[in-house]
Amino acid sequence: MSSNATSHASPEASSNASAHASPQVPTNAKKLVIKVTAGADAPERCSQAFTVAAVAVASGVEVSLWLTGESSWFALPGRAAEFELPHAAPLPDLLESILAAGTVTLCTQCAARRGIEQKDTVEGVRIAGAQVFVSEIMAGGVQALVY
């Protein structure tokens, strides 16, 4: 995990935080870029990435979710509905909320290796490569996470 954004929370604020406190978004973090490499092969890691992205979108954070590796399959219609993980939010609902207010990108090479073309993807998913990913994560005020 890499980060260009830092938190300026005071030690007192950190020690007084409770498990039920609202999530605090650093004021200097303008965008969250999440790369998810896991799919059905690592369901908990996959679900965590989608959940964090959806919560960030709901919190008003600009989100860019990158589908790579086995998560690439979720760029196809109906594939998110096949994903099951007990006690986790349904992946189609998470993906829908991210698409509604964020950006979802399918890795160019990952798509090519799986025979996925733009015409095959869920509406709103774009296909882009490493140069776009690097430009997103190197911009000021960006927090990048990899799952």
N, C-alpha and C. Protein backbone atom coordinates (compact mmCIF):
# COMPACT_ATOMS: atom_id res chain seq x y z
N MET A 1 0.85 -1.16 0.00
CA MET A 1 0.00 0.00 0.00
C MET A 1 0.90 1.22 0.00
N SER A 2 0.60 2.18 -0.85
CA SER A 2 1.38 3.41 -0.88
C SER A 2 0.45 4.58 -0.64
N SER A 3 1.05 5.71 -0.27
CA SER A 3 0.22 6.85 0.05
C SER A 3 0.92 8.14 -0.26
N ASN A 4 0.21 9.07 -0.87
CA ASN A 4 0.69 10.43 -1.04
C ASN A 4 0.03 11.33 -0.03
N ALA A 5 -1.00 10.84 0.66
CA ALA A 5 -1.75 11.65 1.62
C ALA A 5 -1.36 11.25 3.03
N THR A 6 -1.33 12.21 3.91
CA THR A 6 -1.03 11.92 5.30
C THR A 6 -2.14 12.48 6.17
N SER A 7 -2.33 11.86 7.33
CA SER A 7 -3.35 12.33 8.25
C SER A 7 -2.72 13.28 9.25
N HIS A 8 -3.46 14.30 9.62
CA HIS A 8 -2.98 15.28 10.58
C HIS A 8 -3.77 15.19 11.88
N ALA A 9 -4.29 14.00 12.23
CA ALA A 9 -5.05 13.84 13.46
C ALA A 9 -4.11 13.96 14.66
N SER A 10 -4.60 14.60 15.69
CA SER A 10 -3.80 14.76 16.90
C SER A 10 -3.75 13.45 17.66
N PRO A 11 -2.72 13.22 18.49
CA PRO A 11 -2.66 11.99 19.29
C PRO A 11 -3.88 11.85 20.20
N GLU A 12 -4.38 12.98 20.76
CA GLU A 12 -5.56 12.91 21.62
C GLU A 12 -6.77 12.42 20.85
N ALA A 13 -6.93 12.93 19.63
CA ALA A 13 -8.08 12.52 18.82
C ALA A 13 -8.01 11.04 18.50
N SER A 14 -6.82 10.54 18.22
CA SER A 14 -6.66 9.12 17.91
C SER A 14 -6.97 8.26 19.12
N SER A 15 -6.50 8.67 20.31
CA SER A 15 -6.70 7.85 21.49
C SER A 15 -8.13 7.91 22.00
N ASN A 16 -8.87 8.97 21.68
CA ASN A 16 -10.24 9.10 22.13
C ASN A 16 -11.25 8.51 21.15
N ALA A 17 -10.79 8.03 20.01
CA ALA A 17 -11.69 7.47 19.01
C ALA A 17 -12.27 6.16 19.52
N SER A 18 -13.54 5.94 19.23
CA SER A 18 -14.17 4.69 19.63
C SER A 18 -14.45 3.84 18.41
N ALA A 19 -14.78 2.60 18.66
CA ALA A 19 -15.08 1.68 17.56
C ALA A 19 -16.34 2.11 16.81
N HIS A 20 -17.17 2.94 17.45
CA HIS A 20 -18.41 3.36 16.83
C HIS A 20 -18.34 4.76 16.23
N ALA A 21 -17.16 5.33 16.21
CA ALA A 21 -17.02 6.68 15.67
C ALA A 21 -17.19 6.68 14.16
N SER A 22 -17.65 7.79 13.63
CA SER A 22 -17.78 7.92 12.18
C SER A 22 -16.39 7.92 11.56
N PRO A 23 -16.26 7.36 10.33
CA PRO A 23 -14.94 7.36 9.70
C PRO A 23 -14.47 8.79 9.45
N GLN A 24 -13.23 9.02 9.70
CA GLN A 24 -12.63 10.33 9.49
C GLN A 24 -11.83 10.31 8.20
N VAL A 25 -12.15 11.19 7.29
CA VAL A 25 -11.43 11.30 6.03
C VAL A 25 -10.46 12.46 6.16
N PRO A 26 -9.14 12.21 5.95
CA PRO A 26 -8.19 13.32 6.04
C PRO A 26 -8.60 14.44 5.10
N THR A 27 -8.53 15.67 5.58
CA THR A 27 -8.97 16.80 4.77
C THR A 27 -8.09 17.02 3.55
N ASN A 28 -6.86 16.50 3.57
CA ASN A 28 -5.99 16.68 2.41
C ASN A 28 -6.12 15.53 1.41
N ALA A 29 -6.88 14.49 1.74
CA ALA A 29 -7.10 13.37 0.81
C ALA A 29 -8.29 13.72 -0.08
N LYS A 30 -8.03 13.93 -1.34
CA LYS A 30 -9.09 14.31 -2.26
C LYS A 30 -9.60 13.13 -3.08
N LYS A 31 -8.79 12.08 -3.17
CA LYS A 31 -9.16 10.96 -4.01
C LYS A 31 -8.60 9.67 -3.42
N LEU A 32 -9.36 8.60 -3.55
CA LEU A 32 -8.93 7.27 -3.12
C LEU A 32 -8.88 6.38 -4.35
N VAL A 33 -7.72 5.81 -4.62
CA VAL A 33 -7.54 4.88 -5.73
C VAL A 33 -7.33 3.50 -5.13
N ILE A 34 -8.19 2.57 -5.49
CA ILE A 34 -8.12 1.21 -4.96
C ILE A 34 -7.90 0.24 -6.11
N LYS A 35 -6.83 -0.54 -5.99
CA LYS A 35 -6.57 -1.60 -6.97
C LYS A 35 -6.91 -2.92 -6.30
N VAL A 36 -7.87 -3.64 -6.88
CA VAL A 36 -8.25 -4.95 -6.35
C VAL A 36 -7.73 -6.02 -7.30
N THR A 37 -6.91 -6.91 -6.76
CA THR A 37 -6.30 -7.98 -7.54
C THR A 37 -6.99 -9.32 -7.31
N ALA A 38 -7.81 -9.38 -6.26
CA ALA A 38 -8.44 -10.64 -5.86
C ALA A 38 -9.87 -10.70 -6.36
N GLY A 39 -10.30 -11.92 -6.64
CA GLY A 39 -11.68 -12.17 -7.04
C GLY A 39 -12.23 -13.30 -6.20
N ALA A 40 -12.88 -14.24 -6.83
CA ALA A 40 -13.43 -15.40 -6.13
C ALA A 40 -12.32 -16.25 -5.51
N ASP A 41 -11.08 -16.08 -5.99
CA ASP A 41 -9.95 -16.84 -5.47
C ASP A 41 -9.55 -16.40 -4.05
N ALA A 42 -9.88 -15.17 -3.67
CA ALA A 42 -9.60 -14.63 -2.34
C ALA A 42 -10.79 -13.74 -1.95
N PRO A 43 -11.92 -14.35 -1.64
CA PRO A 43 -13.17 -13.60 -1.49
C PRO A 43 -13.15 -12.52 -0.41
N GLU A 44 -12.50 -12.77 0.72
CA GLU A 44 -12.50 -11.75 1.77
C GLU A 44 -11.74 -10.50 1.34
N ARG A 45 -10.59 -10.69 0.72
CA ARG A 45 -9.81 -9.55 0.24
C ARG A 45 -10.57 -8.79 -0.84
N CYS A 46 -11.22 -9.52 -1.72
CA CYS A 46 -12.02 -8.90 -2.77
C CYS A 46 -13.15 -8.08 -2.18
N SER A 47 -13.89 -8.67 -1.26
CA SER A 47 -15.01 -7.98 -0.63
C SER A 47 -14.55 -6.75 0.13
N GLN A 48 -13.42 -6.84 0.79
CA GLN A 48 -12.88 -5.68 1.52
C GLN A 48 -12.63 -4.51 0.58
N ALA A 49 -12.04 -4.79 -0.56
CA ALA A 49 -11.74 -3.71 -1.52
C ALA A 49 -13.02 -3.02 -2.00
N PHE A 50 -14.01 -3.81 -2.39
CA PHE A 50 -15.27 -3.24 -2.86
C PHE A 50 -16.00 -2.50 -1.74
N THR A 51 -15.95 -3.05 -0.53
CA THR A 51 -16.61 -2.42 0.61
C THR A 51 -15.96 -1.08 0.95
N VAL A 52 -14.64 -1.04 1.00
CA VAL A 52 -13.94 0.22 1.29
C VAL A 52 -14.25 1.25 0.21
N ALA A 53 -14.25 0.83 -1.03
CA ALA A 53 -14.56 1.76 -2.13
C ALA A 53 -15.98 2.31 -2.00
N ALA A 54 -16.95 1.44 -1.70
CA ALA A 54 -18.34 1.86 -1.58
C ALA A 54 -18.55 2.78 -0.38
N VAL A 55 -17.90 2.48 0.73
CA VAL A 55 -18.01 3.34 1.91
C VAL A 55 -17.39 4.70 1.63
N ALA A 56 -16.26 4.71 0.95
CA ALA A 56 -15.61 5.98 0.60
C ALA A 56 -16.52 6.82 -0.29
N VAL A 57 -17.13 6.20 -1.30
CA VAL A 57 -18.07 6.91 -2.18
C VAL A 57 -19.21 7.49 -1.36
N ALA A 58 -19.76 6.67 -0.46
CA ALA A 58 -20.88 7.12 0.38
C ALA A 58 -20.46 8.26 1.32
N SER A 59 -19.18 8.33 1.62
CA SER A 59 -18.64 9.39 2.49
C SER A 59 -18.28 10.65 1.73
N GLY A 60 -18.49 10.63 0.42
CA GLY A 60 -18.20 11.80 -0.39
C GLY A 60 -16.79 11.88 -0.93
N VAL A 61 -16.04 10.79 -0.82
CA VAL A 61 -14.68 10.76 -1.34
C VAL A 61 -14.71 10.39 -2.82
N GLU A 62 -13.87 11.05 -3.60
CA GLU A 62 -13.72 10.67 -5.01
C GLU A 62 -13.00 9.33 -5.05
N VAL A 63 -13.58 8.35 -5.73
CA VAL A 63 -13.03 6.99 -5.74
C VAL A 63 -12.78 6.52 -7.17
N SER A 64 -11.62 5.88 -7.34
CA SER A 64 -11.29 5.19 -8.57
C SER A 64 -10.95 3.75 -8.20
N LEU A 65 -11.76 2.80 -8.65
CA LEU A 65 -11.55 1.38 -8.37
C LEU A 65 -10.98 0.71 -9.61
N TRP A 66 -9.85 0.04 -9.46
CA TRP A 66 -9.20 -0.66 -10.56
C TRP A 66 -9.38 -2.16 -10.40
N LEU A 67 -9.93 -2.81 -11.42
CA LEU A 67 -10.12 -4.25 -11.44
C LEU A 67 -8.94 -4.89 -12.18
N THR A 68 -8.18 -5.70 -11.46
CA THR A 68 -7.02 -6.36 -12.05
C THR A 68 -7.03 -7.83 -11.64
N GLY A 69 -6.23 -8.64 -12.29
CA GLY A 69 -6.18 -10.06 -11.93
C GLY A 69 -7.55 -10.68 -11.97
N GLU A 70 -7.85 -11.51 -10.97
CA GLU A 70 -9.12 -12.24 -10.95
C GLU A 70 -10.34 -11.35 -10.75
N SER A 71 -10.15 -10.14 -10.22
CA SER A 71 -11.31 -9.24 -10.08
C SER A 71 -11.76 -8.70 -11.43
N SER A 72 -10.95 -8.89 -12.46
CA SER A 72 -11.30 -8.43 -13.81
C SER A 72 -12.65 -8.99 -14.27
N TRP A 73 -12.97 -10.19 -13.84
CA TRP A 73 -14.22 -10.83 -14.26
C TRP A 73 -15.44 -10.03 -13.82
N PHE A 74 -15.33 -9.22 -12.77
CA PHE A 74 -16.47 -8.46 -12.28
C PHE A 74 -16.81 -7.28 -13.18
N ALA A 75 -16.02 -7.05 -14.21
CA ALA A 75 -16.35 -6.03 -15.21
C ALA A 75 -17.41 -6.54 -16.18
N LEU A 76 -17.68 -7.84 -16.15
CA LEU A 76 -18.67 -8.44 -17.05
C LEU A 76 -20.05 -8.47 -16.40
N PRO A 77 -21.09 -8.22 -17.17
CA PRO A 77 -22.45 -8.26 -16.64
C PRO A 77 -22.75 -9.62 -15.98
N GLY A 78 -23.36 -9.57 -14.80
CA GLY A 78 -23.78 -10.77 -14.10
C GLY A 78 -22.71 -11.46 -13.27
N ARG A 79 -21.45 -11.14 -13.49
CA ARG A 79 -20.39 -11.86 -12.76
C ARG A 79 -20.33 -11.49 -11.28
N ALA A 80 -20.62 -10.24 -10.95
CA ALA A 80 -20.62 -9.84 -9.53
C ALA A 80 -21.71 -10.60 -8.77
N ALA A 81 -22.82 -10.91 -9.43
CA ALA A 81 -23.93 -11.62 -8.78
C ALA A 81 -23.55 -13.06 -8.43
N GLU A 82 -22.55 -13.60 -9.09
CA GLU A 82 -22.09 -14.97 -8.81
C GLU A 82 -21.21 -15.03 -7.56
N PHE A 83 -20.72 -13.88 -7.12
CA PHE A 83 -19.82 -13.81 -5.97
C PHE A 83 -20.62 -13.93 -4.68
N GLU A 84 -20.18 -14.83 -3.80
CA GLU A 84 -20.85 -15.01 -2.52
C GLU A 84 -19.83 -15.03 -1.40
N LEU A 85 -20.15 -14.30 -0.32
CA LEU A 85 -19.33 -14.31 0.88
C LEU A 85 -20.27 -14.05 2.05
N PRO A 86 -20.37 -15.02 2.98
CA PRO A 86 -21.26 -14.83 4.12
C PRO A 86 -20.93 -13.54 4.90
N HIS A 87 -21.96 -12.87 5.35
CA HIS A 87 -21.86 -11.67 6.19
C HIS A 87 -21.24 -10.48 5.46
N ALA A 88 -21.22 -10.52 4.14
CA ALA A 88 -20.68 -9.42 3.34
C ALA A 88 -21.80 -8.80 2.51
N ALA A 89 -21.67 -7.52 2.23
CA ALA A 89 -22.64 -6.85 1.37
C ALA A 89 -22.59 -7.48 -0.02
N PRO A 90 -23.71 -7.57 -0.70
CA PRO A 90 -23.72 -8.15 -2.05
C PRO A 90 -22.84 -7.34 -3.01
N LEU A 91 -21.97 -8.02 -3.70
CA LEU A 91 -21.03 -7.37 -4.61
C LEU A 91 -21.74 -6.54 -5.68
N PRO A 92 -22.86 -7.00 -6.25
CA PRO A 92 -23.54 -6.16 -7.25
C PRO A 92 -23.96 -4.80 -6.69
N ASP A 93 -24.41 -4.78 -5.44
CA ASP A 93 -24.83 -3.52 -4.81
C ASP A 93 -23.63 -2.60 -4.62
N LEU A 94 -22.51 -3.17 -4.17
CA LEU A 94 -21.30 -2.36 -3.97
C LEU A 94 -20.82 -1.79 -5.30
N LEU A 95 -20.76 -2.65 -6.32
CA LEU A 95 -20.29 -2.21 -7.64
C LEU A 95 -21.21 -1.11 -8.19
N GLU A 96 -22.51 -1.27 -8.03
CA GLU A 96 -23.46 -0.27 -8.52
C GLU A 96 -23.24 1.08 -7.84
N SER A 97 -23.00 1.07 -6.54
CA SER A 97 -22.79 2.34 -5.84
C SER A 97 -21.48 3.00 -6.25
N ILE A 98 -20.47 2.20 -6.50
CA ILE A 98 -19.18 2.76 -6.94
C ILE A 98 -19.32 3.34 -8.34
N LEU A 99 -19.99 2.62 -9.23
CA LEU A 99 -20.20 3.11 -10.59
C LEU A 99 -21.03 4.39 -10.62
N ALA A 100 -21.97 4.52 -9.68
CA ALA A 100 -22.86 5.67 -9.66
C ALA A 100 -22.13 6.97 -9.33
N ALA A 101 -21.08 6.88 -8.50
CA ALA A 101 -20.44 8.11 -8.04
C ALA A 101 -18.92 8.08 -8.15
N GLY A 102 -18.37 7.02 -8.70
CA GLY A 102 -16.92 6.90 -8.82
C GLY A 102 -16.54 6.42 -10.20
N THR A 103 -15.31 5.95 -10.31
CA THR A 103 -14.79 5.43 -11.57
C THR A 103 -14.37 3.98 -11.35
N VAL A 104 -14.74 3.12 -12.30
CA VAL A 104 -14.31 1.72 -12.27
C VAL A 104 -13.54 1.47 -13.56
N THR A 105 -12.32 0.97 -13.40
CA THR A 105 -11.44 0.75 -14.54
C THR A 105 -10.98 -0.70 -14.56
N LEU A 106 -11.04 -1.30 -15.72
CA LEU A 106 -10.52 -2.65 -15.95
C LEU A 106 -9.14 -2.51 -16.59
N CYS A 107 -8.17 -3.19 -16.01
CA CYS A 107 -6.79 -3.18 -16.52
C CYS A 107 -6.75 -3.69 -17.96
N THR A 108 -6.06 -2.96 -18.82
CA THR A 108 -5.96 -3.31 -20.24
C THR A 108 -5.39 -4.71 -20.45
N GLN A 109 -4.25 -5.01 -19.83
CA GLN A 109 -3.61 -6.32 -20.01
C GLN A 109 -4.46 -7.44 -19.42
N CYS A 110 -5.08 -7.17 -18.26
CA CYS A 110 -5.93 -8.17 -17.62
C CYS A 110 -7.13 -8.50 -18.51
N ALA A 111 -7.70 -7.47 -19.12
CA ALA A 111 -8.83 -7.67 -20.03
C ALA A 111 -8.39 -8.50 -21.24
N ALA A 112 -7.25 -8.14 -21.82
CA ALA A 112 -6.76 -8.85 -23.00
C ALA A 112 -6.48 -10.32 -22.70
N ARG A 113 -5.89 -10.61 -21.54
CA ARG A 113 -5.59 -12.00 -21.18
C ARG A 113 -6.86 -12.83 -21.00
N ARG A 114 -7.97 -12.17 -20.70
CA ARG A 114 -9.24 -12.86 -20.47
C ARG A 114 -10.19 -12.73 -21.66
N GLY A 115 -9.73 -12.11 -22.74
CA GLY A 115 -10.57 -11.96 -23.93
C GLY A 115 -11.72 -10.99 -23.72
N ILE A 116 -11.58 -10.07 -22.77
CA ILE A 116 -12.65 -9.10 -22.49
C ILE A 116 -12.40 -7.83 -23.30
N GLU A 117 -13.42 -7.39 -24.02
CA GLU A 117 -13.35 -6.14 -24.79
C GLU A 117 -14.31 -5.13 -24.18
N GLN A 118 -14.12 -3.87 -24.52
CA GLN A 118 -14.96 -2.81 -23.97
C GLN A 118 -16.45 -3.10 -24.16
N LYS A 119 -16.81 -3.62 -25.32
CA LYS A 119 -18.22 -3.90 -25.62
C LYS A 119 -18.81 -4.97 -24.70
N ASP A 120 -17.95 -5.75 -24.04
CA ASP A 120 -18.40 -6.82 -23.16
C ASP A 120 -18.69 -6.36 -21.74
N THR A 121 -18.20 -5.19 -21.35
CA THR A 121 -18.21 -4.79 -19.95
C THR A 121 -19.54 -4.17 -19.50
N VAL A 122 -19.70 -4.14 -18.19
CA VAL A 122 -20.82 -3.45 -17.56
C VAL A 122 -20.75 -1.98 -17.98
N GLU A 123 -21.92 -1.38 -18.21
CA GLU A 123 -21.95 0.03 -18.59
C GLU A 123 -21.27 0.87 -17.50
N GLY A 124 -20.37 1.75 -17.93
CA GLY A 124 -19.67 2.63 -17.01
C GLY A 124 -18.26 2.18 -16.68
N VAL A 125 -17.93 0.93 -16.97
CA VAL A 125 -16.56 0.44 -16.73
C VAL A 125 -15.70 0.83 -17.93
N ARG A 126 -14.55 1.41 -17.66
CA ARG A 126 -13.62 1.75 -18.74
C ARG A 126 -12.45 0.77 -18.70
N ILE A 127 -11.75 0.67 -19.80
CA ILE A 127 -10.52 -0.13 -19.87
C ILE A 127 -9.37 0.84 -20.06
N ALA A 128 -8.36 0.73 -19.20
CA ALA A 128 -7.20 1.61 -19.27
C ALA A 128 -5.98 0.87 -18.72
N GLY A 129 -4.80 1.40 -19.05
CA GLY A 129 -3.57 0.73 -18.69
C GLY A 129 -2.78 1.39 -17.57
N ALA A 130 -1.58 0.87 -17.40
CA ALA A 130 -0.70 1.28 -16.31
C ALA A 130 -0.39 2.77 -16.30
N GLN A 131 -0.27 3.37 -17.48
CA GLN A 131 0.05 4.79 -17.51
C GLN A 131 -1.05 5.63 -16.86
N VAL A 132 -2.30 5.23 -17.04
CA VAL A 132 -3.42 5.94 -16.42
C VAL A 132 -3.42 5.69 -14.91
N PHE A 133 -3.15 4.45 -14.51
CA PHE A 133 -3.09 4.12 -13.08
C PHE A 133 -2.00 4.95 -12.39
N VAL A 134 -0.81 4.99 -12.99
CA VAL A 134 0.29 5.74 -12.41
C VAL A 134 -0.05 7.22 -12.32
N SER A 135 -0.67 7.77 -13.36
CA SER A 135 -1.02 9.19 -13.31
C SER A 135 -2.04 9.47 -12.21
N GLU A 136 -2.95 8.54 -11.96
CA GLU A 136 -3.93 8.72 -10.89
C GLU A 136 -3.27 8.68 -9.51
N ILE A 137 -2.40 7.70 -9.29
CA ILE A 137 -1.85 7.55 -7.94
C ILE A 137 -0.76 8.57 -7.62
N MET A 138 -0.17 9.18 -8.63
CA MET A 138 0.89 10.15 -8.38
C MET A 138 0.38 11.59 -8.24
N ALA A 139 -0.87 11.79 -8.47
CA ALA A 139 -1.45 13.13 -8.32
C ALA A 139 -1.47 13.52 -6.84
N GLY A 140 -1.44 14.79 -6.58
CA GLY A 140 -1.48 15.28 -5.20
C GLY A 140 -2.80 14.96 -4.54
N GLY A 141 -2.77 14.71 -3.24
CA GLY A 141 -3.98 14.45 -2.47
C GLY A 141 -4.61 13.11 -2.73
N VAL A 142 -3.83 12.12 -3.18
CA VAL A 142 -4.36 10.81 -3.49
C VAL A 142 -3.86 9.79 -2.46
N GLN A 143 -4.76 8.93 -2.03
CA GLN A 143 -4.43 7.79 -1.19
C GLN A 143 -4.65 6.54 -2.05
N ALA A 144 -3.63 5.72 -2.17
CA ALA A 144 -3.74 4.50 -2.98
C ALA A 144 -3.70 3.28 -2.07
N LEU A 145 -4.60 2.31 -2.35
CA LEU A 145 -4.66 1.07 -1.61
C LEU A 145 -4.66 -0.08 -2.62
N VAL A 146 -4.01 -1.17 -2.26
CA VAL A 146 -4.00 -2.36 -3.11
C VAL A 146 -4.49 -3.54 -2.27
N TYR A 147 -5.51 -4.24 -2.79
CA TYR A 147 -6.04 -5.43 -2.15
C TYR A 147 -5.77 -6.63 -3.03
